[in-house]
PDB file of N, CA and C in Angstrom:
ATOM      1  N   MET A   1       6.825  52.734 -15.305  1.00  0.00           N
ATOM      2  CA  MET A   1       6.396  51.603 -16.110  1.00  0.00           C
ATOM      3  C   MET A   1       7.156  51.637 -17.435  1.00  0.00           C
ATOM      4  N   ASN A   2       7.737  50.528 -17.822  1.00  0.00           N
ATOM      5  CA  ASN A   2       8.559  50.466 -19.018  1.00  0.00           C
ATOM      6  C   ASN A   2       7.695  50.118 -20.236  1.00  0.00           C
ATOM      7  N   LEU A   3       7.540  51.069 -21.125  1.00  0.00           N
ATOM      8  CA  LEU A   3       6.726  50.864 -22.328  1.00  0.00           C
ATOM      9  C   LEU A   3       7.574  50.655 -23.565  1.00  0.00           C
ATOM     10  N   ALA A   4       8.894  50.583 -23.410  1.00  0.00           N
ATOM     11  CA  ALA A   4       9.782  50.467 -24.563  1.00  0.00           C
ATOM     12  C   ALA A   4       9.526  49.184 -25.353  1.00  0.00           C
ATOM     13  N   ALA A   5       9.395  48.053 -24.676  1.00  0.00           N
ATOM     14  CA  ALA A   5       9.207  46.782 -25.373  1.00  0.00           C
ATOM     15  C   ALA A   5       7.894  46.747 -26.160  1.00  0.00           C
ATOM     16  N   PRO A   6       6.733  47.076 -25.540  1.00  0.00           N
ATOM     17  CA  PRO A   6       5.488  47.042 -26.323  1.00  0.00           C
ATOM     18  C   PRO A   6       5.498  48.041 -27.481  1.00  0.00           C
ATOM     19  N   LEU A   7       6.105  49.202 -27.263  1.00  0.00           N
ATOM     20  CA  LEU A   7       6.170  50.184 -28.348  1.00  0.00           C
ATOM     21  C   LEU A   7       7.082  49.707 -29.470  1.00  0.00           C
ATOM     22  N   SER A   8       8.164  49.028 -29.111  1.00  0.00           N
ATOM     23  CA  SER A   8       9.070  48.490 -30.130  1.00  0.00           C
ATOM     24  C   SER A   8       8.373  47.436 -30.976  1.00  0.00           C
ATOM     25  N   VAL A   9       7.633  46.551 -30.314  1.00  0.00           N
ATOM     26  CA  VAL A   9       6.908  45.509 -31.039  1.00  0.00           C
ATOM     27  C   VAL A   9       5.878  46.132 -31.971  1.00  0.00           C
ATOM     28  N   THR A  10       5.158  47.124 -31.484  1.00  0.00           N
ATOM     29  CA  THR A  10       4.165  47.805 -32.309  1.00  0.00           C
ATOM     30  C   THR A  10       4.824  48.478 -33.503  1.00  0.00           C
ATOM     31  N   ALA A  11       5.961  49.122 -33.285  1.00  0.00           N
ATOM     32  CA  ALA A  11       6.660  49.792 -34.378  1.00  0.00           C
ATOM     33  C   ALA A  11       7.119  48.790 -35.428  1.00  0.00           C
ATOM     34  N   VAL A  12       7.626  47.634 -35.004  1.00  0.00           N
ATOM     35  CA  VAL A  12       8.070  46.612 -35.951  1.00  0.00           C
ATOM     36  C   VAL A  12       6.894  46.087 -36.763  1.00  0.00           C
ATOM     37  N   LEU A  13       5.783  45.823 -36.095  1.00  0.00           N
ATOM     38  CA  LEU A  13       4.608  45.318 -36.810  1.00  0.00           C
ATOM     39  C   LEU A  13       4.095  46.330 -37.831  1.00  0.00           C
ATOM     40  N   LEU A  14       4.073  47.596 -37.454  1.00  0.00           N
ATOM     41  CA  LEU A  14       3.643  48.626 -38.402  1.00  0.00           C
ATOM     42  C   LEU A  14       4.618  48.746 -39.568  1.00  0.00           C
ATOM     43  N   ALA A  15       5.905  48.635 -39.281  1.00  0.00           N
ATOM     44  CA  ALA A  15       6.908  48.701 -40.349  1.00  0.00           C
ATOM     45  C   ALA A  15       6.748  47.527 -41.300  1.00  0.00           C
ATOM     46  N   LEU A  16       6.516  46.333 -40.756  1.00  0.00           N
ATOM     47  CA  LEU A  16       6.331  45.157 -41.608  1.00  0.00           C
ATOM     48  C   LEU A  16       5.081  45.293 -42.473  1.00  0.00           C
ATOM     49  N   ALA A  17       4.020  45.798 -41.897  1.00  0.00           N
ATOM     50  CA  ALA A  17       2.784  45.968 -42.662  1.00  0.00           C
ATOM     51  C   ALA A  17       2.972  47.012 -43.763  1.00  0.00           C
ATOM     52  N   GLY A  18       3.744  48.055 -43.487  1.00  0.00           N
ATOM     53  CA  GLY A  18       3.968  49.105 -44.466  1.00  0.00           C
ATOM     54  C   GLY A  18       4.895  48.689 -45.588  1.00  0.00           C
ATOM     55  N   CYS A  19       5.748  47.695 -45.339  1.00  0.00           N
ATOM     56  CA  CYS A  19       6.729  47.274 -46.339  1.00  0.00           C
ATOM     57  C   CYS A  19       6.238  46.110 -47.190  1.00  0.00           C
ATOM     58  N   ALA A  20       5.051  45.614 -46.921  1.00  0.00           N
ATOM     59  CA  ALA A  20       4.557  44.452 -47.655  1.00  0.00           C
ATOM     60  C   ALA A  20       4.401  44.788 -49.138  1.00  0.00           C
ATOM     61  N   SER A  21       4.811  43.854 -49.962  1.00  0.00           N
ATOM     62  CA  SER A  21       4.650  44.035 -51.407  1.00  0.00           C
ATOM     63  C   SER A  21       4.091  42.746 -51.984  1.00  0.00           C
ATOM     64  N   GLN A  22       3.301  42.878 -52.993  1.00  0.00           N
ATOM     65  CA  GLN A  22       2.636  41.741 -53.593  1.00  0.00           C
ATOM     66  C   GLN A  22       3.402  41.267 -54.813  1.00  0.00           C
ATOM     67  N   VAL A  23       3.677  39.972 -54.872  1.00  0.00           N
ATOM     68  CA  VAL A  23       4.287  39.375 -56.048  1.00  0.00           C
ATOM     69  C   VAL A  23       3.219  39.318 -57.130  1.00  0.00           C
ATOM     70  N   PRO A  24       3.532  39.643 -58.389  1.00  0.00           N
ATOM     71  CA  PRO A  24       2.515  39.564 -59.435  1.00  0.00           C
ATOM     72  C   PRO A  24       1.853  38.186 -59.454  1.00  0.00           C
ATOM     73  N   SER A  25       0.537  38.182 -59.474  1.00  0.00           N
ATOM     74  CA  SER A  25      -0.184  36.916 -59.348  1.00  0.00           C
ATOM     75  C   SER A  25      -1.170  36.714 -60.497  1.00  0.00           C
ATOM     76  N   ALA A  26      -0.718  36.929 -61.702  1.00  0.00           N
ATOM     77  CA  ALA A  26      -1.602  36.808 -62.855  1.00  0.00           C
ATOM     78  C   ALA A  26      -2.128  35.383 -63.003  1.00  0.00           C
ATOM     79  N   THR A  27      -1.303  34.377 -62.730  1.00  0.00           N
ATOM     80  CA  THR A  27      -1.738  32.995 -62.904  1.00  0.00           C
ATOM     81  C   THR A  27      -1.803  32.234 -61.588  1.00  0.00           C
ATOM     82  N   LEU A  28      -1.673  32.932 -60.459  1.00  0.00           N
ATOM     83  CA  LEU A  28      -1.705  32.274 -59.165  1.00  0.00           C
ATOM     84  C   LEU A  28      -3.103  32.341 -58.564  1.00  0.00           C
ATOM     85  N   SER A  29      -3.464  31.300 -57.820  1.00  0.00           N
ATOM     86  CA  SER A  29      -4.729  31.352 -57.098  1.00  0.00           C
ATOM     87  C   SER A  29      -4.589  32.331 -55.949  1.00  0.00           C
ATOM     88  N   GLU A  30      -5.703  32.657 -55.295  1.00  0.00           N
ATOM     89  CA  GLU A  30      -5.677  33.634 -54.202  1.00  0.00           C
ATOM     90  C   GLU A  30      -4.808  33.152 -53.043  1.00  0.00           C
ATOM     91  N   SER A  31      -4.891  31.863 -52.682  1.00  0.00           N
ATOM     92  CA  SER A  31      -4.080  31.350 -51.569  1.00  0.00           C
ATOM     93  C   SER A  31      -2.603  31.320 -51.945  1.00  0.00           C
ATOM     94  N   GLN A  32      -2.287  30.969 -53.182  1.00  0.00           N
ATOM     95  CA  GLN A  32      -0.889  30.982 -53.616  1.00  0.00           C
ATOM     96  C   GLN A  32      -0.347  32.401 -53.627  1.00  0.00           C
ATOM     97  N   ALA A  33      -1.172  33.358 -54.035  1.00  0.00           N
ATOM     98  CA  ALA A  33      -0.737  34.752 -54.065  1.00  0.00           C
ATOM     99  C   ALA A  33      -0.456  35.258 -52.665  1.00  0.00           C
ATOM    100  N   SER A  34      -1.311  34.896 -51.696  1.00  0.00           N
ATOM    101  CA  SER A  34      -1.067  35.358 -50.332  1.00  0.00           C
ATOM    102  C   SER A  34       0.159  34.676 -49.735  1.00  0.00           C
ATOM    103  N   ASP A  35       0.449  33.424 -50.113  1.00  0.00           N
ATOM    104  CA  ASP A  35       1.652  32.744 -49.640  1.00  0.00           C
ATOM    105  C   ASP A  35       2.912  33.383 -50.212  1.00  0.00           C
ATOM    106  N   ASN A  36       2.806  33.994 -51.382  1.00  0.00           N
ATOM    107  CA  ASN A  36       3.956  34.623 -52.016  1.00  0.00           C
ATOM    108  C   ASN A  36       4.119  36.090 -51.631  1.00  0.00           C
ATOM    109  N   LEU A  37       3.243  36.601 -50.786  1.00  0.00           N
ATOM    110  CA  LEU A  37       3.362  37.962 -50.300  1.00  0.00           C
ATOM    111  C   LEU A  37       4.676  38.087 -49.547  1.00  0.00           C
ATOM    112  N   VAL A  38       5.444  39.126 -49.839  1.00  0.00           N
ATOM    113  CA  VAL A  38       6.751  39.326 -49.210  1.00  0.00           C
ATOM    114  C   VAL A  38       6.648  40.459 -48.200  1.00  0.00           C
ATOM    115  N   ILE A  39       7.145  40.204 -46.988  1.00  0.00           N
ATOM    116  CA  ILE A  39       7.149  41.206 -45.935  1.00  0.00           C
ATOM    117  C   ILE A  39       8.599  41.491 -45.575  1.00  0.00           C
ATOM    118  N   CYS A  40       8.959  42.762 -45.576  1.00  0.00           N
ATOM    119  CA  CYS A  40      10.322  43.176 -45.251  1.00  0.00           C
ATOM    120  C   CYS A  40      10.305  44.025 -43.990  1.00  0.00           C
ATOM    121  N   GLY A  41      11.374  43.931 -43.237  1.00  0.00           N
ATOM    122  CA  GLY A  41      11.474  44.731 -42.029  1.00  0.00           C
ATOM    123  C   GLY A  41      12.920  44.862 -41.578  1.00  0.00           C
ATOM    124  N   GLN A  42      13.168  45.818 -40.724  1.00  0.00           N
ATOM    125  CA  GLN A  42      14.496  46.038 -40.170  1.00  0.00           C
ATOM    126  C   GLN A  42      14.679  45.154 -38.946  1.00  0.00           C
ATOM    127  N   GLU A  43      15.768  44.401 -38.899  1.00  0.00           N
ATOM    128  CA  GLU A  43      16.059  43.533 -37.769  1.00  0.00           C
ATOM    129  C   GLU A  43      17.510  43.717 -37.361  1.00  0.00           C
ATOM    130  N   ALA A  44      17.741  43.767 -36.060  1.00  0.00           N
ATOM    131  CA  ALA A  44      19.096  43.827 -35.526  1.00  0.00           C
ATOM    132  C   ALA A  44      19.426  42.462 -34.934  1.00  0.00           C
ATOM    133  N   GLY A  45      20.608  41.970 -35.244  1.00  0.00           N
ATOM    134  CA  GLY A  45      21.029  40.682 -34.716  1.00  0.00           C
ATOM    135  C   GLY A  45      21.300  40.761 -33.225  1.00  0.00           C
ATOM    136  N   THR A  46      21.381  39.620 -32.585  1.00  0.00           N
ATOM    137  CA  THR A  46      21.664  39.568 -31.159  1.00  0.00           C
ATOM    138  C   THR A  46      23.039  40.158 -30.878  1.00  0.00           C
ATOM    139  N   GLY A  47      23.096  41.079 -29.932  1.00  0.00           N
ATOM    140  CA  GLY A  47      24.356  41.674 -29.540  1.00  0.00           C
ATOM    141  C   GLY A  47      24.797  42.852 -30.382  1.00  0.00           C
ATOM    142  N   THR A  48      23.944  43.348 -31.244  1.00  0.00           N
ATOM    143  CA  THR A  48      24.310  44.489 -32.075  1.00  0.00           C
ATOM    144  C   THR A  48      23.134  45.439 -32.218  1.00  0.00           C
ATOM    145  N   ARG A  49      23.449  46.682 -32.463  1.00  0.00           N
ATOM    146  CA  ARG A  49      22.398  47.675 -32.737  1.00  0.00           C
ATOM    147  C   ARG A  49      22.301  47.964 -34.225  1.00  0.00           C
ATOM    148  N   ILE A  50      23.174  47.359 -34.994  1.00  0.00           N
ATOM    149  CA  ILE A  50      23.177  47.579 -36.441  1.00  0.00           C
ATOM    150  C   ILE A  50      22.090  46.702 -37.048  1.00  0.00           C
ATOM    151  N   SER A  51      21.151  47.329 -37.713  1.00  0.00           N
ATOM    152  CA  SER A  51      20.050  46.571 -38.287  1.00  0.00           C
ATOM    153  C   SER A  51      20.252  46.388 -39.783  1.00  0.00           C
ATOM    154  N   SER A  52      19.560  45.404 -40.303  1.00  0.00           N
ATOM    155  CA  SER A  52      19.585  45.155 -41.741  1.00  0.00           C
ATOM    156  C   SER A  52      18.165  44.813 -42.172  1.00  0.00           C
ATOM    157  N   THR A  53      17.898  44.977 -43.440  1.00  0.00           N
ATOM    158  CA  THR A  53      16.578  44.678 -43.976  1.00  0.00           C
ATOM    159  C   THR A  53      16.488  43.192 -44.276  1.00  0.00           C
ATOM    160  N   ARG A  54      15.446  42.561 -43.775  1.00  0.00           N
ATOM    161  CA  ARG A  54      15.205  41.144 -44.032  1.00  0.00           C
ATOM    162  C   ARG A  54      13.821  41.008 -44.660  1.00  0.00           C
ATOM    163  N   CYS A  55      13.743  40.256 -45.715  1.00  0.00           N
ATOM    164  CA  CYS A  55      12.467  40.024 -46.394  1.00  0.00           C
ATOM    165  C   CYS A  55      12.143  38.536 -46.336  1.00  0.00           C
ATOM    166  N   ARG A  56      10.885  38.230 -46.048  1.00  0.00           N
ATOM    167  CA  ARG A  56      10.435  36.842 -45.960  1.00  0.00           C
ATOM    168  C   ARG A  56       9.060  36.714 -46.606  1.00  0.00           C
ATOM    169  N   ARG A  57       8.821  35.523 -47.154  1.00  0.00           N
ATOM    170  CA  ARG A  57       7.495  35.235 -47.691  1.00  0.00           C
ATOM    171  C   ARG A  57       6.570  34.858 -46.543  1.00  0.00           C
ATOM    172  N   VAL A  58       5.289  35.159 -46.682  1.00  0.00           N
ATOM    173  CA  VAL A  58       4.296  34.835 -45.655  1.00  0.00           C
ATOM    174  C   VAL A  58       4.298  33.324 -45.395  1.00  0.00           C
ATOM    175  N   ALA A  59       4.419  32.523 -46.432  1.00  0.00           N
ATOM    176  CA  ALA A  59       4.430  31.069 -46.249  1.00  0.00           C
ATOM    177  C   ALA A  59       5.606  30.649 -45.372  1.00  0.00           C
ATOM    178  N   ASP A  60       6.771  31.266 -45.553  1.00  0.00           N
ATOM    179  CA  ASP A  60       7.938  30.942 -44.733  1.00  0.00           C
ATOM    180  C   ASP A  60       7.732  31.369 -43.290  1.00  0.00           C
ATOM    181  N   ILE A  61       7.115  32.522 -43.091  1.00  0.00           N
ATOM    182  CA  ILE A  61       6.839  33.009 -41.734  1.00  0.00           C
ATOM    183  C   ILE A  61       5.889  32.056 -41.023  1.00  0.00           C
ATOM    184  N   GLU A  62       4.846  31.612 -41.717  1.00  0.00           N
ATOM    185  CA  GLU A  62       3.876  30.698 -41.117  1.00  0.00           C
ATOM    186  C   GLU A  62       4.514  29.347 -40.807  1.00  0.00           C
ATOM    187  N   THR A  63       5.388  28.850 -41.683  1.00  0.00           N
ATOM    188  CA  THR A  63       6.078  27.588 -41.447  1.00  0.00           C
ATOM    189  C   THR A  63       6.954  27.699 -40.207  1.00  0.00           C
ATOM    190  N   ARG A  64       7.682  28.803 -40.089  1.00  0.00           N
ATOM    191  CA  ARG A  64       8.544  29.021 -38.917  1.00  0.00           C
ATOM    192  C   ARG A  64       7.711  29.154 -37.646  1.00  0.00           C
ATOM    193  N   ARG A  65       6.600  29.878 -37.728  1.00  0.00           N
ATOM    194  CA  ARG A  65       5.726  30.054 -36.568  1.00  0.00           C
ATOM    195  C   ARG A  65       5.201  28.703 -36.081  1.00  0.00           C
ATOM    196  N   LYS A  66       4.787  27.840 -37.016  1.00  0.00           N
ATOM    197  CA  LYS A  66       4.274  26.519 -36.660  1.00  0.00           C
ATOM    198  C   LYS A  66       5.364  25.673 -36.008  1.00  0.00           C
ATOM    199  N   ALA A  67       6.569  25.690 -36.573  1.00  0.00           N
ATOM    200  CA  ALA A  67       7.678  24.918 -36.008  1.00  0.00           C
ATOM    201  C   ALA A  67       8.041  25.423 -34.614  1.00  0.00           C
ATOM    202  N   ASP A  68       8.059  26.744 -34.430  1.00  0.00           N
ATOM    203  CA  ASP A  68       8.372  27.317 -33.125  1.00  0.00           C
ATOM    204  C   ASP A  68       7.311  26.936 -32.092  1.00  0.00           C
ATOM    205  N   ARG A  69       6.058  26.960 -32.495  1.00  0.00           N
ATOM    206  CA  ARG A  69       4.972  26.604 -31.574  1.00  0.00           C
ATOM    207  C   ARG A  69       5.096  25.138 -31.160  1.00  0.00           C
ATOM    208  N   GLU A  70       5.382  24.253 -32.133  1.00  0.00           N
ATOM    209  CA  GLU A  70       5.528  22.828 -31.822  1.00  0.00           C
ATOM    210  C   GLU A  70       6.717  22.598 -30.890  1.00  0.00           C
ATOM    211  N   ALA A  71       7.811  23.326 -31.103  1.00  0.00           N
ATOM    212  CA  ALA A  71       8.981  23.189 -30.232  1.00  0.00           C
ATOM    213  C   ALA A  71       8.658  23.663 -28.824  1.00  0.00           C
ATOM    214  N   ALA A  72       7.921  24.746 -28.705  1.00  0.00           N
ATOM    215  CA  ALA A  72       7.551  25.262 -27.387  1.00  0.00           C
ATOM    216  C   ALA A  72       6.620  24.293 -26.665  1.00  0.00           C
ATOM    217  N   GLU A  73       5.705  23.679 -27.397  1.00  0.00           N
ATOM    218  CA  GLU A  73       4.785  22.734 -26.782  1.00  0.00           C
ATOM    219  C   GLU A  73       5.489  21.447 -26.362  1.00  0.00           C
ATOM    220  N   ALA A  74       6.616  21.133 -26.991  1.00  0.00           N
ATOM    221  CA  ALA A  74       7.361  19.924 -26.654  1.00  0.00           C
ATOM    222  C   ALA A  74       8.209  20.103 -25.393  1.00  0.00           C
ATOM    223  N   LEU A  75       8.393  21.333 -24.945  1.00  0.00           N
ATOM    224  CA  LEU A  75       9.169  21.583 -23.732  1.00  0.00           C
ATOM    225  C   LEU A  75       8.412  21.076 -22.519  1.00  0.00           C
ATOM    226  N   PRO A  76       9.144  20.605 -21.508  1.00  0.00           N
ATOM    227  CA  PRO A  76       8.457  20.160 -20.285  1.00  0.00           C
ATOM    228  C   PRO A  76       7.789  21.342 -19.597  1.00  0.00           C
ATOM    229  N   THR A  77       6.635  21.083 -19.018  1.00  0.00           N
ATOM    230  CA  THR A  77       5.881  22.162 -18.373  1.00  0.00           C
ATOM    231  C   THR A  77       6.169  22.260 -16.874  1.00  0.00           C
ATOM    232  N   GLU A  78       6.803  21.244 -16.313  1.00  0.00           N
ATOM    233  CA  GLU A  78       7.121  21.253 -14.892  1.00  0.00           C
ATOM    234  C   GLU A  78       8.625  21.093 -14.703  1.00  0.00           C
ATOM    235  N   LEU A  79       9.127  21.707 -13.662  1.00  0.00           N
ATOM    236  CA  LEU A  79      10.530  21.547 -13.320  1.00  0.00           C
ATOM    237  C   LEU A  79      10.741  20.186 -12.671  1.00  0.00           C
ATOM    238  N   PRO A  80      11.892  19.590 -12.903  1.00  0.00           N
ATOM    239  CA  PRO A  80      12.143  18.304 -12.238  1.00  0.00           C
ATOM    240  C   PRO A  80      12.230  18.495 -10.719  1.00  0.00           C
ATOM    241  N   SER A  81      11.765  17.535  -9.981  1.00  0.00           N
ATOM    242  CA  SER A  81      11.798  17.652  -8.521  1.00  0.00           C
ATOM    243  C   SER A  81      13.199  17.330  -8.009  1.00  0.00           C
ATOM    244  N   ASN A  82      13.536  17.885  -6.888  1.00  0.00           N
ATOM    245  CA  ASN A  82      14.840  17.660  -6.268  1.00  0.00           C
ATOM    246  C   ASN A  82      14.684  16.690  -5.099  1.00  0.00           C
ATOM    247  N   ASN A  83      14.277  15.478  -5.391  1.00  0.00           N
ATOM    248  CA  ASN A  83      14.045  14.478  -4.338  1.00  0.00           C
ATOM    249  C   ASN A  83      15.341  14.025  -3.681  1.00  0.00           C
ATOM    250  N   GLY A  84      16.460  14.115  -4.372  1.00  0.00           N
ATOM    251  CA  GLY A  84      17.723  13.630  -3.871  1.00  0.00           C
ATOM    252  C   GLY A  84      18.395  14.592  -2.899  1.00  0.00           C
ATOM    253  N   ARG A  85      17.898  15.784  -2.731  1.00  0.00           N
ATOM    254  CA  ARG A  85      18.561  16.771  -1.852  1.00  0.00           C
ATOM    255  C   ARG A  85      17.996  16.781  -0.479  1.00  0.00           C
TER     256      ARG A  85
END
């Protein structure tokens, strides 16, 4: 049984949680402060094993997640039929 993928995902999530840093929020509301939370993690590009540190704001991650979900939902759920064959 191949456990490499689930373990890799778990390791990335733990690394992201450990690298989180809070932007000073002296004048920010609680929701604005959480949107400005920065999460950093090691990511390797497609086709390479060389990783680099990437940092993103929680608000940017949520925006990307929402856009990705909408794109996935817009995909057709059924394959086209081959009536002509």
